[in-house]
Structure formats: C-alpha cells, structure tokens
PDB file of N, CA and C in Angstrom:
ATOM      1  N   MET A   1     -23.960  34.861-143.357  1.00  0.00           N
ATOM      2  CA  MET A   1     -24.537  36.151-143.677  1.00  0.00           C
ATOM      3  C   MET A   1     -23.981  37.235-142.750  1.00  0.00           C
ATOM      4  N   ASP A   2     -24.012  36.959-141.446  1.00  0.00           N
ATOM      5  CA  ASP A   2     -23.533  37.957-140.489  1.00  0.00           C
ATOM      6  C   ASP A   2     -22.045  38.252-140.666  1.00  0.00           C
ATOM      7  N   ARG A   3     -21.257  37.221-140.979  1.00  0.00           N
ATOM      8  CA  ARG A   3     -19.825  37.438-141.194  1.00  0.00           C
ATOM      9  C   ARG A   3     -19.579  38.304-142.421  1.00  0.00           C
ATOM     10  N   MET A   4     -20.328  38.047-143.492  1.00  0.00           N
ATOM     11  CA  MET A   4     -20.174  38.840-144.716  1.00  0.00           C
ATOM     12  C   MET A   4     -20.537  40.297-144.454  1.00  0.00           C
ATOM     13  N   LEU A   5     -21.627  40.522-143.728  1.00  0.00           N
ATOM     14  CA  LEU A   5     -22.036  41.896-143.417  1.00  0.00           C
ATOM     15  C   LEU A   5     -21.035  42.578-142.486  1.00  0.00           C
ATOM     16  N   ALA A   6     -20.425  41.823-141.582  1.00  0.00           N
ATOM     17  CA  ALA A   6     -19.427  42.402-140.686  1.00  0.00           C
ATOM     18  C   ALA A   6     -18.217  42.908-141.466  1.00  0.00           C
ATOM     19  N   VAL A   7     -17.897  42.246-142.575  1.00  0.00           N
ATOM     20  CA  VAL A   7     -16.750  42.640-143.397  1.00  0.00           C
ATOM     21  C   VAL A   7     -17.121  43.729-144.400  1.00  0.00           C
ATOM     22  N   ALA A   8     -18.245  43.556-145.093  1.00  0.00           N
ATOM     23  CA  ALA A   8     -18.562  44.443-146.218  1.00  0.00           C
ATOM     24  C   ALA A   8     -19.819  45.279-146.020  1.00  0.00           C
ATOM     25  N   GLY A   9     -20.469  45.157-144.883  1.00  0.00           N
ATOM     26  CA  GLY A   9     -21.721  45.871-144.674  1.00  0.00           C
ATOM     27  C   GLY A   9     -21.516  47.285-144.155  1.00  0.00           C
ATOM     28  N   GLU A  10     -22.608  48.009-144.119  1.00  0.00           N
ATOM     29  CA  GLU A  10     -22.610  49.347-143.544  1.00  0.00           C
ATOM     30  C   GLU A  10     -23.763  49.448-142.550  1.00  0.00           C
ATOM     31  N   SER A  11     -23.654  50.376-141.641  1.00  0.00           N
ATOM     32  CA  SER A  11     -24.665  50.540-140.596  1.00  0.00           C
ATOM     33  C   SER A  11     -25.863  51.322-141.132  1.00  0.00           C
ATOM     34  N   ILE A  12     -27.056  50.796-140.871  1.00  0.00           N
ATOM     35  CA  ILE A  12     -28.299  51.493-141.187  1.00  0.00           C
ATOM     36  C   ILE A  12     -29.176  51.457-139.945  1.00  0.00           C
ATOM     37  N   VAL A  13     -30.194  52.293-139.918  1.00  0.00           N
ATOM     38  CA  VAL A  13     -31.169  52.258-138.830  1.00  0.00           C
ATOM     39  C   VAL A  13     -32.539  52.026-139.446  1.00  0.00           C
ATOM     40  N   LEU A  14     -33.189  50.967-139.004  1.00  0.00           N
ATOM     41  CA  LEU A  14     -34.522  50.609-139.460  1.00  0.00           C
ATOM     42  C   LEU A  14     -35.519  51.156-138.454  1.00  0.00           C
ATOM     43  N   MET A  15     -36.568  51.847-138.938  1.00  0.00           N
ATOM     44  CA  MET A  15     -37.517  52.516-138.029  1.00  0.00           C
ATOM     45  C   MET A  15     -38.954  52.194-138.428  1.00  0.00           C
ATOM     46  N   ARG A  16     -39.790  51.966-137.411  1.00  0.00           N
ATOM     47  CA  ARG A  16     -41.220  51.793-137.630  1.00  0.00           C
ATOM     48  C   ARG A  16     -41.953  52.745-136.689  1.00  0.00           C
ATOM     49  N   GLN A  17     -42.818  53.564-137.269  1.00  0.00           N
ATOM     50  CA  GLN A  17     -43.597  54.513-136.478  1.00  0.00           C
ATOM     51  C   GLN A  17     -44.663  53.760-135.701  1.00  0.00           C
ATOM     52  N   PHE A  18     -44.895  54.200-134.473  1.00  0.00           N
ATOM     53  CA  PHE A  18     -45.964  53.608-133.684  1.00  0.00           C
ATOM     54  C   PHE A  18     -46.735  54.713-132.982  1.00  0.00           C
ATOM     55  N   GLY A  19     -47.968  54.430-132.655  1.00  0.00           N
ATOM     56  CA  GLY A  19     -48.804  55.419-131.992  1.00  0.00           C
ATOM     57  C   GLY A  19     -49.201  56.536-132.935  1.00  0.00           C
ATOM     58  N   THR A  20     -49.720  57.606-132.364  1.00  0.00           N
ATOM     59  CA  THR A  20     -50.195  58.736-133.158  1.00  0.00           C
ATOM     60  C   THR A  20     -49.238  59.916-133.143  1.00  0.00           C
ATOM     61  N   THR A  21     -48.201  59.842-132.331  1.00  0.00           N
ATOM     62  CA  THR A  21     -47.210  60.912-132.285  1.00  0.00           C
ATOM     63  C   THR A  21     -46.301  60.781-133.496  1.00  0.00           C
ATOM     64  N   PRO A  22     -46.152  61.857-134.288  1.00  0.00           N
ATOM     65  CA  PRO A  22     -45.392  61.759-135.548  1.00  0.00           C
ATOM     66  C   PRO A  22     -43.957  61.260-135.406  1.00  0.00           C
ATOM     67  N   ASN A  23     -43.301  61.550-134.314  1.00  0.00           N
ATOM     68  CA  ASN A  23     -41.893  61.180-134.182  1.00  0.00           C
ATOM     69  C   ASN A  23     -41.658  60.046-133.189  1.00  0.00           C
ATOM     70  N   SER A  24     -42.624  59.150-133.043  1.00  0.00           N
ATOM     71  CA  SER A  24     -42.466  57.989-132.166  1.00  0.00           C
ATOM     72  C   SER A  24     -42.107  56.776-133.006  1.00  0.00           C
ATOM     73  N   PHE A  25     -40.864  56.308-132.853  1.00  0.00           N
ATOM     74  CA  PHE A  25     -40.387  55.201-133.673  1.00  0.00           C
ATOM     75  C   PHE A  25     -39.775  54.114-132.806  1.00  0.00           C
ATOM     76  N   ALA A  26     -39.996  52.870-133.223  1.00  0.00           N
ATOM     77  CA  ALA A  26     -39.197  51.751-132.729  1.00  0.00           C
ATOM     78  C   ALA A  26     -38.062  51.639-133.732  1.00  0.00           C
ATOM     79  N   SER A  27     -36.831  51.634-133.267  1.00  0.00           N
ATOM     80  CA  SER A  27     -35.707  51.599-134.208  1.00  0.00           C
ATOM     81  C   SER A  27     -34.693  50.547-133.798  1.00  0.00           C
ATOM     82  N   VAL A  28     -33.948  50.081-134.794  1.00  0.00           N
ATOM     83  CA  VAL A  28     -32.881  49.111-134.561  1.00  0.00           C
ATOM     84  C   VAL A  28     -31.764  49.391-135.557  1.00  0.00           C
ATOM     85  N   GLU A  29     -30.537  49.352-135.073  1.00  0.00           N
ATOM     86  CA  GLU A  29     -29.383  49.512-135.949  1.00  0.00           C
ATOM     87  C   GLU A  29     -28.988  48.144-136.487  1.00  0.00           C
ATOM     88  N   CYS A  30     -28.776  48.062-137.788  1.00  0.00           N
ATOM     89  CA  CYS A  30     -28.432  46.805-138.464  1.00  0.00           C
ATOM     90  C   CYS A  30     -27.252  47.024-139.396  1.00  0.00           C
ATOM     91  N   LEU A  31     -26.522  45.970-139.654  1.00  0.00           N
ATOM     92  CA  LEU A  31     -25.547  45.994-140.731  1.00  0.00           C
ATOM     93  C   LEU A  31     -26.274  45.589-142.002  1.00  0.00           C
ATOM     94  N   ALA A  32     -25.928  46.239-143.101  1.00  0.00           N
ATOM     95  CA  ALA A  32     -26.638  45.993-144.352  1.00  0.00           C
ATOM     96  C   ALA A  32     -25.688  46.075-145.532  1.00  0.00           C
ATOM     97  N   PHE A  33     -26.080  45.404-146.591  1.00  0.00           N
ATOM     98  CA  PHE A  33     -25.448  45.557-147.890  1.00  0.00           C
ATOM     99  C   PHE A  33     -26.401  46.428-148.690  1.00  0.00           C
ATOM    100  N   VAL A  34     -25.924  47.598-149.140  1.00  0.00           N
ATOM    101  CA  VAL A  34     -26.767  48.561-149.857  1.00  0.00           C
ATOM    102  C   VAL A  34     -26.154  48.825-151.222  1.00  0.00           C
ATOM    103  N   ARG A  35     -26.985  48.720-152.248  1.00  0.00           N
ATOM    104  CA  ARG A  35     -26.507  49.045-153.594  1.00  0.00           C
ATOM    105  C   ARG A  35     -27.665  49.585-154.416  1.00  0.00           C
ATOM    106  N   GLY A  36     -27.312  50.331-155.453  1.00  0.00           N
ATOM    107  CA  GLY A  36     -28.314  50.775-156.407  1.00  0.00           C
ATOM    108  C   GLY A  36     -28.691  49.634-157.326  1.00  0.00           C
ATOM    109  N   TYR A  37     -29.720  49.841-158.092  1.00  0.00           N
ATOM    110  CA  TYR A  37     -30.136  48.831-159.063  1.00  0.00           C
ATOM    111  C   TYR A  37     -29.315  48.974-160.339  1.00  0.00           C
ATOM    112  N   ARG A  38     -28.958  47.847-160.929  1.00  0.00           N
ATOM    113  CA  ARG A  38     -28.228  47.840-162.194  1.00  0.00           C
ATOM    114  C   ARG A  38     -29.186  48.219-163.327  1.00  0.00           C
ATOM    115  N   PRO A  39     -28.665  48.747-164.440  1.00  0.00           N
ATOM    116  CA  PRO A  39     -29.537  49.178-165.540  1.00  0.00           C
ATOM    117  C   PRO A  39     -30.538  48.104-165.981  1.00  0.00           C
ATOM    118  N   GLU A  40     -30.110  46.859-166.026  1.00  0.00           N
ATOM    119  CA  GLU A  40     -31.023  45.799-166.467  1.00  0.00           C
ATOM    120  C   GLU A  40     -32.117  45.497-165.441  1.00  0.00           C
ATOM    121  N   GLU A  41     -31.960  46.000-164.220  1.00  0.00           N
ATOM    122  CA  GLU A  41     -32.972  45.791-163.178  1.00  0.00           C
ATOM    123  C   GLU A  41     -34.004  46.918-163.127  1.00  0.00           C
ATOM    124  N   LEU A  42     -33.796  47.967-163.888  1.00  0.00           N
ATOM    125  CA  LEU A  42     -34.697  49.115-163.879  1.00  0.00           C
ATOM    126  C   LEU A  42     -35.922  48.832-164.743  1.00  0.00           C
ATOM    127  N   ILE A  43     -36.811  48.036-164.184  1.00  0.00           N
ATOM    128  CA  ILE A  43     -38.039  47.664-164.877  1.00  0.00           C
ATOM    129  C   ILE A  43     -39.234  48.036-164.012  1.00  0.00           C
ATOM    130  N   GLY A  44     -40.368  48.198-164.637  1.00  0.00           N
ATOM    131  CA  GLY A  44     -41.565  48.555-163.876  1.00  0.00           C
ATOM    132  C   GLY A  44     -41.380  49.879-163.171  1.00  0.00           C
ATOM    133  N   SER A  45     -41.649  49.895-161.874  1.00  0.00           N
ATOM    134  CA  SER A  45     -41.573  51.136-161.107  1.00  0.00           C
ATOM    135  C   SER A  45     -40.221  51.339-160.422  1.00  0.00           C
ATOM    136  N   ILE A  46     -39.257  50.447-160.645  1.00  0.00           N
ATOM    137  CA  ILE A  46     -37.924  50.594-160.043  1.00  0.00           C
ATOM    138  C   ILE A  46     -37.182  51.704-160.769  1.00  0.00           C
ATOM    139  N   SER A  47     -36.611  52.647-159.991  1.00  0.00           N
ATOM    140  CA  SER A  47     -35.890  53.765-160.598  1.00  0.00           C
ATOM    141  C   SER A  47     -34.442  53.802-160.118  1.00  0.00           C
ATOM    142  N   GLN A  48     -33.654  54.673-160.747  1.00  0.00           N
ATOM    143  CA  GLN A  48     -32.240  54.799-160.412  1.00  0.00           C
ATOM    144  C   GLN A  48     -32.007  55.284-158.991  1.00  0.00           C
ATOM    145  N   THR A  49     -32.970  55.956-158.394  1.00  0.00           N
ATOM    146  CA  THR A  49     -32.796  56.463-157.033  1.00  0.00           C
ATOM    147  C   THR A  49     -33.155  55.428-155.972  1.00  0.00           C
ATOM    148  N   ASP A  50     -33.719  54.291-156.378  1.00  0.00           N
ATOM    149  CA  ASP A  50     -34.058  53.229-155.437  1.00  0.00           C
ATOM    150  C   ASP A  50     -32.798  52.460-155.059  1.00  0.00           C
ATOM    151  N   SER A  51     -32.847  51.788-153.916  1.00  0.00           N
ATOM    152  CA  SER A  51     -31.722  50.955-153.483  1.00  0.00           C
ATOM    153  C   SER A  51     -32.206  49.564-153.122  1.00  0.00           C
ATOM    154  N   PHE A  52     -31.324  48.591-153.346  1.00  0.00           N
ATOM    155  CA  PHE A  52     -31.541  47.207-152.936  1.00  0.00           C
ATOM    156  C   PHE A  52     -30.761  47.036-151.643  1.00  0.00           C
ATOM    157  N   VAL A  53     -31.437  46.639-150.584  1.00  0.00           N
ATOM    158  CA  VAL A  53     -30.825  46.543-149.260  1.00  0.00           C
ATOM    159  C   VAL A  53     -31.015  45.123-148.732  1.00  0.00           C
ATOM    160  N   VAL A  54     -29.926  44.512-148.274  1.00  0.00           N
ATOM    161  CA  VAL A  54     -29.972  43.173-147.700  1.00  0.00           C
ATOM    162  C   VAL A  54     -29.547  43.270-146.238  1.00  0.00           C
ATOM    163  N   ILE A  55     -30.373  42.705-145.355  1.00  0.00           N
ATOM    164  CA  ILE A  55     -30.027  42.679-143.939  1.00  0.00           C
ATOM    165  C   ILE A  55     -30.202  41.265-143.389  1.00  0.00           C
ATOM    166  N   SER A  56     -29.500  41.013-142.320  1.00  0.00           N
ATOM    167  CA  SER A  56     -29.670  39.786-141.548  1.00  0.00           C
ATOM    168  C   SER A  56     -30.682  40.089-140.446  1.00  0.00           C
ATOM    169  N   PRO A  57     -31.457  39.115-140.019  1.00  0.00           N
ATOM    170  CA  PRO A  57     -32.393  39.363-138.932  1.00  0.00           C
ATOM    171  C   PRO A  57     -31.746  39.337-137.540  1.00  0.00           C
ATOM    172  N   THR A  58     -30.447  39.135-137.468  1.00  0.00           N
ATOM    173  CA  THR A  58     -29.775  38.979-136.172  1.00  0.00           C
ATOM    174  C   THR A  58     -30.034  40.155-135.226  1.00  0.00           C
ATOM    175  N   GLU A  59     -29.787  41.380-135.694  1.00  0.00           N
ATOM    176  CA  GLU A  59     -29.990  42.536-134.819  1.00  0.00           C
ATOM    177  C   GLU A  59     -31.472  42.747-134.504  1.00  0.00           C
ATOM    178  N   ILE A  60     -32.339  42.469-135.483  1.00  0.00           N
ATOM    179  CA  ILE A  60     -33.778  42.591-135.275  1.00  0.00           C
ATOM    180  C   ILE A  60     -34.218  41.629-134.180  1.00  0.00           C
ATOM    181  N   ASN A  61     -33.743  40.383-134.249  1.00  0.00           N
ATOM    182  CA  ASN A  61     -34.090  39.394-133.229  1.00  0.00           C
ATOM    183  C   ASN A  61     -33.538  39.788-131.861  1.00  0.00           C
ATOM    184  N   ARG A  62     -32.292  40.242-131.845  1.00  0.00           N
ATOM    185  CA  ARG A  62     -31.647  40.613-130.580  1.00  0.00           C
ATOM    186  C   ARG A  62     -32.394  41.764-129.901  1.00  0.00           C
ATOM    187  N   ALA A  63     -32.829  42.754-130.702  1.00  0.00           N
ATOM    188  CA  ALA A  63     -33.534  43.922-130.153  1.00  0.00           C
ATOM    189  C   ALA A  63     -35.035  43.684-130.003  1.00  0.00           C
ATOM    190  N   LYS A  64     -35.508  42.532-130.492  1.00  0.00           N
ATOM    191  CA  LYS A  64     -36.944  42.234-130.505  1.00  0.00           C
ATOM    192  C   LYS A  64     -37.731  43.348-131.194  1.00  0.00           C
ATOM    193  N   TRP A  65     -37.139  43.845-132.289  1.00  0.00           N
ATOM    194  CA  TRP A  65     -37.750  44.931-133.066  1.00  0.00           C
ATOM    195  C   TRP A  65     -38.922  44.421-133.855  1.00  0.00           C
ATOM    196  N   PRO A  66     -39.955  45.104-133.984  1.00  0.00           N
ATOM    197  CA  PRO A  66     -40.418  46.241-133.179  1.00  0.00           C
ATOM    198  C   PRO A  66     -41.264  45.775-132.011  1.00  0.00           C
ATOM    199  N   GLY A  67     -40.847  44.705-131.389  1.00  0.00           N
ATOM    200  CA  GLY A  67     -41.650  44.008-130.409  1.00  0.00           C
ATOM    201  C   GLY A  67     -42.228  42.758-131.057  1.00  0.00           C
ATOM    202  N   GLY A  68     -41.543  42.280-132.131  1.00  0.00           N
ATOM    203  CA  GLY A  68     -42.044  41.163-132.929  1.00  0.00           C
ATOM    204  C   GLY A  68     -42.043  39.842-132.189  1.00  0.00           C
ATOM    205  N   SER A  69     -42.930  38.971-132.632  1.00  0.00           N
ATOM    206  CA  SER A  69     -43.102  37.672-132.002  1.00  0.00           C
ATOM    207  C   SER A  69     -42.156  36.624-132.562  1.00  0.00           C
ATOM    208  N   GLY A  70     -41.629  36.845-133.768  1.00  0.00           N
ATOM    209  CA  GLY A  70     -40.767  35.852-134.385  1.00  0.00           C
ATOM    210  C   GLY A  70     -41.545  34.712-135.007  1.00  0.00           C
ATOM    211  N   LEU A  71     -42.836  34.890-135.223  1.00  0.00           N
ATOM    212  CA  LEU A  71     -43.658  33.841-135.816  1.00  0.00           C
ATOM    213  C   LEU A  71     -43.419  33.751-137.314  1.00  0.00           C
ATOM    214  N   LEU A  72     -43.436  32.545-137.826  1.00  0.00           N
ATOM    215  CA  LEU A  72     -43.320  32.318-139.259  1.00  0.00           C
ATOM    216  C   LEU A  72     -44.710  32.444-139.859  1.00  0.00           C
ATOM    217  N   SER A  73     -45.010  33.614-140.385  1.00  0.00           N
ATOM    218  CA  SER A  73     -46.322  33.843-140.998  1.00  0.00           C
ATOM    219  C   SER A  73     -46.235  35.063-141.888  1.00  0.00           C
ATOM    220  N   ALA A  74     -47.302  35.304-142.608  1.00  0.00           N
ATOM    221  CA  ALA A  74     -47.350  36.476-143.484  1.00  0.00           C
ATOM    222  C   ALA A  74     -47.357  37.764-142.676  1.00  0.00           C
ATOM    223  N   THR A  75     -47.626  37.685-141.393  1.00  0.00           N
ATOM    224  CA  THR A  75     -47.679  38.883-140.552  1.00  0.00           C
ATOM    225  C   THR A  75     -46.502  38.945-139.576  1.00  0.00           C
ATOM    226  N   ASP A  76     -45.388  38.335-139.914  1.00  0.00           N
ATOM    227  CA  ASP A  76     -44.197  38.361-139.068  1.00  0.00           C
ATOM    228  C   ASP A  76     -43.779  39.818-138.862  1.00  0.00           C
ATOM    229  N   ALA A  77     -43.924  40.328-137.649  1.00  0.00           N
ATOM    230  CA  ALA A  77     -43.662  41.742-137.353  1.00  0.00           C
ATOM    231  C   ALA A  77     -42.205  42.128-137.565  1.00  0.00           C
ATOM    232  N   ARG A  78     -41.313  41.147-137.598  1.00  0.00           N
ATOM    233  CA  ARG A  78     -39.883  41.448-137.795  1.00  0.00           C
ATOM    234  C   ARG A  78     -39.566  41.882-139.214  1.00  0.00           C
ATOM    235  N   ILE A  79     -40.442  41.585-140.143  1.00  0.00           N
ATOM    236  CA  ILE A  79     -40.193  41.909-141.548  1.00  0.00           C
ATOM    237  C   ILE A  79     -40.551  43.373-141.790  1.00  0.00           C
ATOM    238  N   PRO A  80     -39.601  44.179-142.272  1.00  0.00           N
ATOM    239  CA  PRO A  80     -39.948  45.560-142.610  1.00  0.00           C
ATOM    240  C   PRO A  80     -41.103  45.575-143.612  1.00  0.00           C
ATOM    241  N   ARG A  81     -41.909  46.613-143.538  1.00  0.00           N
ATOM    242  CA  ARG A  81     -43.064  46.709-144.426  1.00  0.00           C
ATOM    243  C   ARG A  81     -43.104  48.085-145.055  1.00  0.00           C
ATOM    244  N   LYS A  82     -43.914  48.199-146.095  1.00  0.00           N
ATOM    245  CA  LYS A  82     -44.064  49.481-146.776  1.00  0.00           C
ATOM    246  C   LYS A  82     -44.461  50.536-145.748  1.00  0.00           C
ATOM    247  N   GLY A  83     -43.772  51.664-145.799  1.00  0.00           N
ATOM    248  CA  GLY A  83     -44.023  52.733-144.843  1.00  0.00           C
ATOM    249  C   GLY A  83     -43.004  52.803-143.724  1.00  0.00           C
ATOM    250  N   ASP A  84     -42.274  51.698-143.472  1.00  0.00           N
ATOM    251  CA  ASP A  84     -41.173  51.768-142.510  1.00  0.00           C
ATOM    252  C   ASP A  84     -40.103  52.662-143.110  1.00  0.00           C
ATOM    253  N   ARG A  85     -39.222  53.145-142.280  1.00  0.00           N
ATOM    254  CA  ARG A  85     -38.170  54.048-142.748  1.00  0.00           C
ATOM    255  C   ARG A  85     -36.799  53.454-142.458  1.00  0.00           C
ATOM    256  N   VAL A  86     -35.830  53.896-143.246  1.00  0.00           N
ATOM    257  CA  VAL A  86     -34.457  53.438-143.092  1.00  0.00           C
ATOM    258  C   VAL A  86     -33.542  54.645-143.200  1.00  0.00           C
ATOM    259  N   MET A  87     -32.635  54.778-142.255  1.00  0.00           N
ATOM    260  CA  MET A  87     -31.616  55.821-142.310  1.00  0.00           C
ATOM    261  C   MET A  87     -30.369  55.187-142.922  1.00  0.00           C
ATOM    262  N   ILE A  88     -30.010  55.657-144.130  1.00  0.00           N
ATOM    263  CA  ILE A  88     -28.845  55.135-144.853  1.00  0.00           C
ATOM    264  C   ILE A  88     -27.944  56.308-145.206  1.00  0.00           C
ATOM    265  N   ARG A  89     -26.703  56.259-144.735  1.00  0.00           N
ATOM    266  CA  ARG A  89     -25.706  57.304-145.027  1.00  0.00           C
ATOM    267  C   ARG A  89     -26.238  58.698-144.697  1.00  0.00           C
ATOM    268  N   GLY A  90     -26.972  58.791-143.590  1.00  0.00           N
ATOM    269  CA  GLY A  90     -27.472  60.076-143.124  1.00  0.00           C
ATOM    270  C   GLY A  90     -28.761  60.542-143.768  1.00  0.00           C
ATOM    271  N   LEU A  91     -29.310  59.763-144.698  1.00  0.00           N
ATOM    272  CA  LEU A  91     -30.555  60.137-145.371  1.00  0.00           C
ATOM    273  C   LEU A  91     -31.685  59.207-144.952  1.00  0.00           C
ATOM    274  N   GLN A  92     -32.822  59.791-144.610  1.00  0.00           N
ATOM    275  CA  GLN A  92     -33.988  58.976-144.279  1.00  0.00           C
ATOM    276  C   GLN A  92     -34.689  58.565-145.564  1.00  0.00           C
ATOM    277  N   ARG A  93     -34.909  57.276-145.721  1.00  0.00           N
ATOM    278  CA  ARG A  93     -35.519  56.732-146.930  1.00  0.00           C
ATOM    279  C   ARG A  93     -36.715  55.876-146.533  1.00  0.00           C
ATOM    280  N   ASN A  94     -37.507  55.458-147.503  1.00  0.00           N
ATOM    281  CA  ASN A  94     -38.737  54.712-147.241  1.00  0.00           C
ATOM    282  C   ASN A  94     -38.668  53.296-147.781  1.00  0.00           C
ATOM    283  N   VAL A  95     -39.108  52.341-146.965  1.00  0.00           N
ATOM    284  CA  VAL A  95     -39.198  50.959-147.411  1.00  0.00           C
ATOM    285  C   VAL A  95     -40.408  50.840-148.328  1.00  0.00           C
ATOM    286  N   GLU A  96     -40.178  50.332-149.523  1.00  0.00           N
ATOM    287  CA  GLU A  96     -41.257  50.098-150.476  1.00  0.00           C
ATOM    288  C   GLU A  96     -41.749  48.653-150.388  1.00  0.00           C
ATOM    289  N   SER A  97     -40.807  47.718-150.239  1.00  0.00           N
ATOM    290  CA  SER A  97     -41.178  46.312-150.113  1.00  0.00           C
ATOM    291  C   SER A  97     -40.037  45.561-149.445  1.00  0.00           C
ATOM    292  N   ALA A  98     -40.370  44.394-148.898  1.00  0.00           N
ATOM    293  CA  ALA A  98     -39.367  43.546-148.258  1.00  0.00           C
ATOM    294  C   ALA A  98     -39.708  42.092-148.528  1.00  0.00           C
ATOM    295  N   GLY A  99     -38.683  41.319-148.785  1.00  0.00           N
ATOM    296  CA  GLY A  99     -38.855  39.894-149.044  1.00  0.00           C
ATOM    297  C   GLY A  99     -38.053  39.072-148.057  1.00  0.00           C
ATOM    298  N   PRO A 100     -38.735  38.394-147.143  1.00  0.00           N
ATOM    299  CA  PRO A 100     -38.016  37.550-146.191  1.00  0.00           C
ATOM    300  C   PRO A 100     -37.583  36.243-146.837  1.00  0.00           C
ATOM    301  N   ILE A 101     -36.461  35.723-146.390  1.00  0.00           N
ATOM    302  CA  ILE A 101     -35.985  34.414-146.841  1.00  0.00           C
ATOM    303  C   ILE A 101     -35.870  33.525-145.611  1.00  0.00           C
ATOM    304  N   TYR A 102     -36.597  32.420-145.649  1.00  0.00           N
ATOM    305  CA  TYR A 102     -36.604  31.458-144.550  1.00  0.00           C
ATOM    306  C   TYR A 102     -35.907  30.181-145.004  1.00  0.00           C
ATOM    307  N   VAL A 103     -35.117  29.584-144.125  1.00  0.00           N
ATOM    308  CA  VAL A 103     -34.506  28.287-144.370  1.00  0.00           C
ATOM    309  C   VAL A 103     -34.897  27.389-143.208  1.00  0.00           C
ATOM    310  N   ARG A 104     -35.582  26.300-143.528  1.00  0.00           N
ATOM    311  CA  ARG A 104     -36.068  25.353-142.508  1.00  0.00           C
ATOM    312  C   ARG A 104     -36.849  26.061-141.408  1.00  0.00           C
ATOM    313  N   GLY A 105     -37.650  27.033-141.813  1.00  0.00           N
ATOM    314  CA  GLY A 105     -38.512  27.730-140.876  1.00  0.00           C
ATOM    315  C   GLY A 105     -37.868  28.875-140.125  1.00  0.00           C
ATOM    316  N   ALA A 106     -36.579  29.110-140.344  1.00  0.00           N
ATOM    317  CA  ALA A 106     -35.874  30.192-139.642  1.00  0.00           C
ATOM    318  C   ALA A 106     -35.636  31.352-140.610  1.00  0.00           C
ATOM    319  N   LEU A 107     -35.942  32.556-140.158  1.00  0.00           N
ATOM    320  CA  LEU A 107     -35.676  33.754-140.952  1.00  0.00           C
ATOM    321  C   LEU A 107     -34.169  33.971-141.005  1.00  0.00           C
ATOM    322  N   VAL A 108     -33.592  33.981-142.218  1.00  0.00           N
ATOM    323  CA  VAL A 108     -32.140  34.097-142.352  1.00  0.00           C
ATOM    324  C   VAL A 108     -31.687  35.335-143.103  1.00  0.00           C
ATOM    325  N   ARG A 109     -32.606  35.992-143.831  1.00  0.00           N
ATOM    326  CA  ARG A 109     -32.212  37.153-144.632  1.00  0.00           C
ATOM    327  C   ARG A 109     -33.460  37.934-144.999  1.00  0.00           C
ATOM    328  N   ILE A 110     -33.287  39.252-145.163  1.00  0.00           N
ATOM    329  CA  ILE A 110     -34.373  40.105-145.608  1.00  0.00           C
ATOM    330  C   ILE A 110     -33.837  41.010-146.718  1.00  0.00           C
ATOM    331  N   ASP A 111     -34.481  40.955-147.875  1.00  0.00           N
ATOM    332  CA  ASP A 111     -34.149  41.828-149.009  1.00  0.00           C
ATOM    333  C   ASP A 111     -35.200  42.935-149.060  1.00  0.00           C
ATOM    334  N   MET A 112     -34.758  44.176-149.216  1.00  0.00           N
ATOM    335  CA  MET A 112     -35.681  45.298-149.248  1.00  0.00           C
ATOM    336  C   MET A 112     -35.452  46.177-150.476  1.00  0.00           C
ATOM    337  N   ARG A 113     -36.513  46.754-150.955  1.00  0.00           N
ATOM    338  CA  ARG A 113     -36.438  47.828-151.953  1.00  0.00           C
ATOM    339  C   ARG A 113     -36.735  49.112-151.205  1.00  0.00           C
ATOM    340  N   VAL A 114     -35.799  50.050-151.283  1.00  0.00           N
ATOM    341  CA  VAL A 114     -35.888  51.294-150.530  1.00  0.00           C
ATOM    342  C   VAL A 114     -35.933  52.465-151.513  1.00  0.00           C
ATOM    343  N   LEU A 115     -36.861  53.381-151.283  1.00  0.00           N
ATOM    344  CA  LEU A 115     -37.041  54.542-152.164  1.00  0.00           C
ATOM    345  C   LEU A 115     -36.419  55.801-151.563  1.00  0.00           C
ATOM    346  N   GLY A 116     -36.047  56.715-152.448  1.00  0.00           N
ATOM    347  CA  GLY A 116     -35.606  58.025-151.998  1.00  0.00           C
ATOM    348  C   GLY A 116     -34.129  58.240-152.038  1.00  0.00           C
TER     349      GLY A 116
END
C-alpha cells in the first residue's frame, strides 16, 4: 500500500479539531489516492463533488494522530470520522465517512468519502 501511494499518491493533510478554539487542529500529512466517484457509484447521497480517498495508516501511526491509542475497536481514534477535515489540492473538505480495513488485527488501509 505504502509503495503504491509513494508512486501514484498525492499529499493531503488530515485534520481533527480539538478543544473549544475554532482553529485548534491536530493534523497529519498523508499520501493518498484521491478520485471522484464514477457515474455508476452516484447513488443515494453520493454526488459528483464528493471524492473517494484511500490512505495508509502509516503516517497516522508515525505521528500518533490525533493522539490515538491504536486499539482495534469501534472507537479507534486513528480512524477519521465525520466532521474531520482534509486539505486536498489546496481546498479544505469535510470527511463524511471512513471505513477502516484490518488484516489480522492490524489497520492496513482507510477508505474515506470526502465532501466539498
């Protein structure tokens, strides 16, 4: 995964707001595969302006973003969640959902739907 992203990925910044100050973010730079949704994928609430984003957890683990424990659970803090933000190609966008992929208990990939 990391080798593929090193060749074909682009740099994004994943951000999670913390505290009550509007501009206080924990952020991490990641390599990502970013693409729009294909016409046949535009179902339900998915629109043409949404993006499908794939990241490796490598940079998240290295940076301990956002101070995550690395626990395998539904509350794994390393997994982006609705309301987190992503800077892609200079535009700030919003995470709508994220799907972690675990292999033998290890987080190996995160797929996200990003709006905006």
